[in-house]
Structure formats: structure tokens, C-alpha cells
Amino acid sequence: MNVVILQGDGRPFGVLEVDSRSEDEFIEHDLAFLQGHGNILGMAIERDRHERNLKAALGAIRFS
């Protein structure tokens, strides 16, 4: 089962995948659960990107 990890602007970042040894092991609730985790990862990636940009901007101001 795969879900897309979306960035804050809606662009895809990557794919979150889980596998099962048996076919048809996943149900709709499993997909919703995995998509929720993909959404959290996307928000964490976006937050990290913003924090890095902010630190870089603050560093540039300090050395100006």
C-alpha cells in the first residue's frame, strides 16, 4: 500500500509504503491511517524547510 507524502504547497515529496506478506490484508481504515501519517510527515518536512530558511536568513543578517 502506498500513499503520497505532500509538501505544504501540494507538491509531492515522496511515497510512504507498507507491505504485507498476505494479499488483501489492508482495508480502507489502513489506507486512511497511512495517509494520516503521510500528511504528518509532509508537515514535518515543510516545517523543517521553513526553519532552515529562517536560520539561514538570520545568519545572513548577523554577518551583514
PDB file of N, CA and C in Angstrom:
ATOM      1  N   MET A   1       0.866  -1.158   0.000  1.00  0.00           N
ATOM      2  CA  MET A   1       0.000   0.000   0.000  1.00  0.00           C
ATOM      3  C   MET A   1       0.916   1.225   0.000  1.00  0.00           C
ATOM      4  N   ASN A   2       0.613   2.198  -0.833  1.00  0.00           N
ATOM      5  CA  ASN A   2       1.409   3.415  -0.976  1.00  0.00           C
ATOM      6  C   ASN A   2       0.530   4.642  -0.822  1.00  0.00           C
ATOM      7  N   VAL A   3       1.090   5.688  -0.202  1.00  0.00           N
ATOM      8  CA  VAL A   3       0.437   6.996  -0.176  1.00  0.00           C
ATOM      9  C   VAL A   3       1.493   8.043  -0.494  1.00  0.00           C
ATOM     10  N   VAL A   4       1.073   9.100  -1.117  1.00  0.00           N
ATOM     11  CA  VAL A   4       1.974  10.196  -1.474  1.00  0.00           C
ATOM     12  C   VAL A   4       2.163  11.106  -0.265  1.00  0.00           C
ATOM     13  N   ILE A   5       3.415  11.497  -0.015  1.00  0.00           N
ATOM     14  CA  ILE A   5       3.730  12.491   1.011  1.00  0.00           C
ATOM     15  C   ILE A   5       3.761  13.836   0.302  1.00  0.00           C
ATOM     16  N   LEU A   6       2.817  14.713   0.660  1.00  0.00           N
ATOM     17  CA  LEU A   6       2.723  16.016   0.011  1.00  0.00           C
ATOM     18  C   LEU A   6       3.390  17.090   0.857  1.00  0.00           C
ATOM     19  N   GLN A   7       4.052  18.022   0.173  1.00  0.00           N
ATOM     20  CA  GLN A   7       4.614  19.179   0.835  1.00  0.00           C
ATOM     21  C   GLN A   7       3.502  20.202   1.076  1.00  0.00           C
ATOM     22  N   GLY A   8       3.812  21.258   1.805  1.00  0.00           N
ATOM     23  CA  GLY A   8       2.820  22.265   2.143  1.00  0.00           C
ATOM     24  C   GLY A   8       2.172  22.929   0.938  1.00  0.00           C
ATOM     25  N   ASP A   9       2.919  23.020  -0.164  1.00  0.00           N
ATOM     26  CA  ASP A   9       2.373  23.652  -1.366  1.00  0.00           C
ATOM     27  C   ASP A   9       1.667  22.655  -2.277  1.00  0.00           C
ATOM     28  N   GLY A  10       1.521  21.420  -1.804  1.00  0.00           N
ATOM     29  CA  GLY A  10       0.815  20.411  -2.573  1.00  0.00           C
ATOM     30  C   GLY A  10       1.679  19.594  -3.508  1.00  0.00           C
ATOM     31  N   ARG A  11       2.965  19.953  -3.630  1.00  0.00           N
ATOM     32  CA  ARG A  11       3.860  19.175  -4.484  1.00  0.00           C
ATOM     33  C   ARG A  11       4.243  17.876  -3.770  1.00  0.00           C
ATOM     34  N   PRO A  12       4.371  16.781  -4.514  1.00  0.00           N
ATOM     35  CA  PRO A  12       4.763  15.527  -3.875  1.00  0.00           C
ATOM     36  C   PRO A  12       6.216  15.562  -3.416  1.00  0.00           C
ATOM     37  N   PHE A  13       6.465  15.019  -2.236  1.00  0.00           N
ATOM     38  CA  PHE A  13       7.820  14.895  -1.709  1.00  0.00           C
ATOM     39  C   PHE A  13       8.340  13.481  -1.930  1.00  0.00           C
ATOM     40  N   GLY A  14       7.469  12.511  -1.750  1.00  0.00           N
ATOM     41  CA  GLY A  14       7.857  11.117  -1.878  1.00  0.00           C
ATOM     42  C   GLY A  14       6.671  10.217  -1.624  1.00  0.00           C
ATOM     43  N   VAL A  15       6.965   8.958  -1.371  1.00  0.00           N
ATOM     44  CA  VAL A  15       5.923   7.957  -1.170  1.00  0.00           C
ATOM     45  C   VAL A  15       6.201   7.205   0.127  1.00  0.00           C
ATOM     46  N   LEU A  16       5.155   7.011   0.915  1.00  0.00           N
ATOM     47  CA  LEU A  16       5.223   6.186   2.111  1.00  0.00           C
ATOM     48  C   LEU A  16       4.595   4.846   1.756  1.00  0.00           C
ATOM     49  N   GLU A  17       5.327   3.768   1.984  1.00  0.00           N
ATOM     50  CA  GLU A  17       4.864   2.448   1.563  1.00  0.00           C
ATOM     51  C   GLU A  17       4.914   1.471   2.730  1.00  0.00           C
ATOM     52  N   VAL A  18       3.924   0.620   2.811  1.00  0.00           N
ATOM     53  CA  VAL A  18       3.939  -0.511   3.729  1.00  0.00           C
ATOM     54  C   VAL A  18       3.595  -1.761   2.925  1.00  0.00           C
ATOM     55  N   ASP A  19       4.141  -2.865   3.352  1.00  0.00           N
ATOM     56  CA  ASP A  19       3.921  -4.125   2.656  1.00  0.00           C
ATOM     57  C   ASP A  19       3.332  -5.151   3.613  1.00  0.00           C
ATOM     58  N   SER A  20       2.719  -6.152   3.034  1.00  0.00           N
ATOM     59  CA  SER A  20       2.151  -7.254   3.801  1.00  0.00           C
ATOM     60  C   SER A  20       2.581  -8.557   3.141  1.00  0.00           C
ATOM     61  N   ARG A  21       2.745  -9.561   3.945  1.00  0.00           N
ATOM     62  CA  ARG A  21       3.102 -10.873   3.392  1.00  0.00           C
ATOM     63  C   ARG A  21       1.903 -11.537   2.725  1.00  0.00           C
ATOM     64  N   SER A  22       0.702 -11.104   3.081  1.00  0.00           N
ATOM     65  CA  SER A  22      -0.526 -11.690   2.526  1.00  0.00           C
ATOM     66  C   SER A  22      -1.208 -10.686   1.610  1.00  0.00           C
ATOM     67  N   GLU A  23      -1.842 -11.175   0.567  1.00  0.00           N
ATOM     68  CA  GLU A  23      -2.612 -10.297  -0.314  1.00  0.00           C
ATOM     69  C   GLU A  23      -3.914  -9.902   0.372  1.00  0.00           C
ATOM     70  N   ASP A  24      -4.415  -8.768   0.017  1.00  0.00           N
ATOM     71  CA  ASP A  24      -5.697  -8.265   0.535  1.00  0.00           C
ATOM     72  C   ASP A  24      -5.724  -8.142   2.052  1.00  0.00           C
ATOM     73  N   GLU A  25      -4.594  -7.793   2.643  1.00  0.00           N
ATOM     74  CA  GLU A  25      -4.515  -7.633   4.095  1.00  0.00           C
ATOM     75  C   GLU A  25      -4.943  -6.245   4.539  1.00  0.00           C
ATOM     76  N   PHE A  26      -4.979  -5.282   3.634  1.00  0.00           N
ATOM     77  CA  PHE A  26      -5.265  -3.899   4.002  1.00  0.00           C
ATOM     78  C   PHE A  26      -6.726  -3.567   3.740  1.00  0.00           C
ATOM     79  N   ILE A  27      -7.283  -2.772   4.644  1.00  0.00           N
ATOM     80  CA  ILE A  27      -8.654  -2.305   4.471  1.00  0.00           C
ATOM     81  C   ILE A  27      -8.633  -0.787   4.363  1.00  0.00           C
ATOM     82  N   GLU A  28      -9.785  -0.210   4.120  1.00  0.00           N
ATOM     83  CA  GLU A  28      -9.883   1.236   3.919  1.00  0.00           C
ATOM     84  C   GLU A  28      -9.344   2.023   5.114  1.00  0.00           C
ATOM     85  N   HIS A  29      -9.593   1.537   6.316  1.00  0.00           N
ATOM     86  CA  HIS A  29      -9.087   2.225   7.510  1.00  0.00           C
ATOM     87  C   HIS A  29      -7.562   2.239   7.558  1.00  0.00           C
ATOM     88  N   ASP A  30      -6.940   1.176   7.053  1.00  0.00           N
ATOM     89  CA  ASP A  30      -5.480   1.129   6.991  1.00  0.00           C
ATOM     90  C   ASP A  30      -4.948   2.214   6.059  1.00  0.00           C
ATOM     91  N   LEU A  31      -5.618   2.389   4.946  1.00  0.00           N
ATOM     92  CA  LEU A  31      -5.218   3.426   3.998  1.00  0.00           C
ATOM     93  C   LEU A  31      -5.360   4.811   4.626  1.00  0.00           C
ATOM     94  N   ALA A  32      -6.461   5.056   5.318  1.00  0.00           N
ATOM     95  CA  ALA A  32      -6.666   6.349   5.975  1.00  0.00           C
ATOM     96  C   ALA A  32      -5.599   6.589   7.044  1.00  0.00           C
ATOM     97  N   PHE A  33      -5.265   5.556   7.789  1.00  0.00           N
ATOM     98  CA  PHE A  33      -4.231   5.649   8.820  1.00  0.00           C
ATOM     99  C   PHE A  33      -2.882   6.000   8.198  1.00  0.00           C
ATOM    100  N   LEU A  34      -2.527   5.298   7.131  1.00  0.00           N
ATOM    101  CA  LEU A  34      -1.249   5.547   6.470  1.00  0.00           C
ATOM    102  C   LEU A  34      -1.219   6.941   5.848  1.00  0.00           C
ATOM    103  N   GLN A  35      -2.325   7.374   5.249  1.00  0.00           N
ATOM    104  CA  GLN A  35      -2.371   8.716   4.660  1.00  0.00           C
ATOM    105  C   GLN A  35      -2.217   9.777   5.739  1.00  0.00           C
ATOM    106  N   GLY A  36      -2.805   9.553   6.910  1.00  0.00           N
ATOM    107  CA  GLY A  36      -2.633  10.477   8.027  1.00  0.00           C
ATOM    108  C   GLY A  36      -1.167  10.610   8.408  1.00  0.00           C
ATOM    109  N   HIS A  37      -0.460   9.500   8.441  1.00  0.00           N
ATOM    110  CA  HIS A  37       0.972   9.552   8.750  1.00  0.00           C
ATOM    111  C   HIS A  37       1.744  10.253   7.638  1.00  0.00           C
ATOM    112  N   GLY A  38       1.341  10.008   6.405  1.00  0.00           N
ATOM    113  CA  GLY A  38       1.976  10.710   5.285  1.00  0.00           C
ATOM    114  C   GLY A  38       1.773  12.211   5.382  1.00  0.00           C
ATOM    115  N   ASN A  39       0.579  12.630   5.808  1.00  0.00           N
ATOM    116  CA  ASN A  39       0.295  14.059   5.969  1.00  0.00           C
ATOM    117  C   ASN A  39       1.147  14.666   7.083  1.00  0.00           C
ATOM    118  N   ILE A  40       1.302  13.938   8.179  1.00  0.00           N
ATOM    119  CA  ILE A  40       2.146  14.422   9.279  1.00  0.00           C
ATOM    120  C   ILE A  40       3.592  14.543   8.825  1.00  0.00           C
ATOM    121  N   LEU A  41       4.080  13.565   8.084  1.00  0.00           N
ATOM    122  CA  LEU A  41       5.449  13.647   7.558  1.00  0.00           C
ATOM    123  C   LEU A  41       5.614  14.856   6.641  1.00  0.00           C
ATOM    124  N   GLY A  42       4.628  15.090   5.788  1.00  0.00           N
ATOM    125  CA  GLY A  42       4.689  16.240   4.894  1.00  0.00           C
ATOM    126  C   GLY A  42       4.751  17.552   5.658  1.00  0.00           C
ATOM    127  N   MET A  43       3.970  17.668   6.724  1.00  0.00           N
ATOM    128  CA  MET A  43       4.005  18.891   7.540  1.00  0.00           C
ATOM    129  C   MET A  43       5.351  19.040   8.256  1.00  0.00           C
ATOM    130  N   ALA A  44       5.903  17.932   8.745  1.00  0.00           N
ATOM    131  CA  ALA A  44       7.197  17.981   9.424  1.00  0.00           C
ATOM    132  C   ALA A  44       8.305  18.377   8.453  1.00  0.00           C
ATOM    133  N   ILE A  45       8.258  17.866   7.248  1.00  0.00           N
ATOM    134  CA  ILE A  45       9.252  18.224   6.226  1.00  0.00           C
ATOM    135  C   ILE A  45       9.140  19.705   5.892  1.00  0.00           C
ATOM    136  N   GLU A  46       7.926  20.189   5.732  1.00  0.00           N
ATOM    137  CA  GLU A  46       7.702  21.611   5.418  1.00  0.00           C
ATOM    138  C   GLU A  46       8.182  22.497   6.568  1.00  0.00           C
ATOM    139  N   ARG A  47       7.897  22.117   7.795  1.00  0.00           N
ATOM    140  CA  ARG A  47       8.338  22.903   8.952  1.00  0.00           C
ATOM    141  C   ARG A  47       9.863  22.945   9.017  1.00  0.00           C
ATOM    142  N   ASP A  48      10.503  21.809   8.800  1.00  0.00           N
ATOM    143  CA  ASP A  48      11.968  21.771   8.810  1.00  0.00           C
ATOM    144  C   ASP A  48      12.546  22.686   7.738  1.00  0.00           C
ATOM    145  N   ARG A  49      11.943  22.675   6.567  1.00  0.00           N
ATOM    146  CA  ARG A  49      12.418  23.541   5.474  1.00  0.00           C
ATOM    147  C   ARG A  49      12.297  25.020   5.859  1.00  0.00           C
ATOM    148  N   HIS A  50      11.169  25.395   6.463  1.00  0.00           N
ATOM    149  CA  HIS A  50      10.975  26.785   6.877  1.00  0.00           C
ATOM    150  C   HIS A  50      11.964  27.176   7.975  1.00  0.00           C
ATOM    151  N   GLU A  51      12.207  26.284   8.917  1.00  0.00           N
ATOM    152  CA  GLU A  51      13.159  26.572   9.991  1.00  0.00           C
ATOM    153  C   GLU A  51      14.567  26.756   9.436  1.00  0.00           C
ATOM    154  N   ARG A  52      14.966  25.924   8.494  1.00  0.00           N
ATOM    155  CA  ARG A  52      16.296  26.062   7.879  1.00  0.00           C
ATOM    156  C   ARG A  52      16.418  27.388   7.128  1.00  0.00           C
ATOM    157  N   ASN A  53      15.368  27.750   6.388  1.00  0.00           N
ATOM    158  CA  ASN A  53      15.393  29.025   5.663  1.00  0.00           C
ATOM    159  C   ASN A  53      15.462  30.205   6.625  1.00  0.00           C
ATOM    160  N   LEU A  54      14.731  30.126   7.721  1.00  0.00           N
ATOM    161  CA  LEU A  54      14.747  31.195   8.706  1.00  0.00           C
ATOM    162  C   LEU A  54      16.125  31.319   9.358  1.00  0.00           C
ATOM    163  N   LYS A  55      16.726  30.203   9.736  1.00  0.00           N
ATOM    164  CA  LYS A  55      18.067  30.229  10.328  1.00  0.00           C
ATOM    165  C   LYS A  55      19.090  30.789   9.349  1.00  0.00           C
ATOM    166  N   ALA A  56      18.970  30.424   8.079  1.00  0.00           N
ATOM    167  CA  ALA A  56      19.886  30.946   7.069  1.00  0.00           C
ATOM    168  C   ALA A  56      19.711  32.454   6.911  1.00  0.00           C
ATOM    169  N   ALA A  57      18.467  32.909   6.923  1.00  0.00           N
ATOM    170  CA  ALA A  57      18.206  34.348   6.793  1.00  0.00           C
ATOM    171  C   ALA A  57      18.734  35.099   8.010  1.00  0.00           C
ATOM    172  N   LEU A  58      18.532  34.540   9.188  1.00  0.00           N
ATOM    173  CA  LEU A  58      19.048  35.193  10.408  1.00  0.00           C
ATOM    174  C   LEU A  58      20.567  35.212  10.410  1.00  0.00           C
ATOM    175  N   GLY A  59      21.180  34.140   9.935  1.00  0.00           N
ATOM    176  CA  GLY A  59      22.643  34.113   9.837  1.00  0.00           C
ATOM    177  C   GLY A  59      23.172  35.144   8.872  1.00  0.00           C
ATOM    178  N   ALA A  60      22.470  35.361   7.774  1.00  0.00           N
ATOM    179  CA  ALA A  60      22.893  36.347   6.779  1.00  0.00           C
ATOM    180  C   ALA A  60      22.778  37.757   7.356  1.00  0.00           C
ATOM    181  N   ILE A  61      21.773  38.003   8.183  1.00  0.00           N
ATOM    182  CA  ILE A  61      21.587  39.328   8.797  1.00  0.00           C
ATOM    183  C   ILE A  61      22.702  39.596   9.804  1.00  0.00           C
ATOM    184  N   ARG A  62      23.073  38.600  10.582  1.00  0.00           N
ATOM    185  CA  ARG A  62      24.099  38.763  11.616  1.00  0.00           C
ATOM    186  C   ARG A  62      25.465  39.088  11.025  1.00  0.00           C
ATOM    187  N   PHE A  63      25.750  38.540   9.844  1.00  0.00           N
ATOM    188  CA  PHE A  63      27.060  38.736   9.255  1.00  0.00           C
ATOM    189  C   PHE A  63      27.081  39.849   8.225  1.00  0.00           C
ATOM    190  N   SER A  64      25.988  40.580   8.112  1.00  0.00           N
ATOM    191  CA  SER A  64      25.934  41.693   7.152  1.00  0.00           C
ATOM    192  C   SER A  64      26.568  42.929   7.717  1.00  0.00           C
TER     193      SER A  64
END
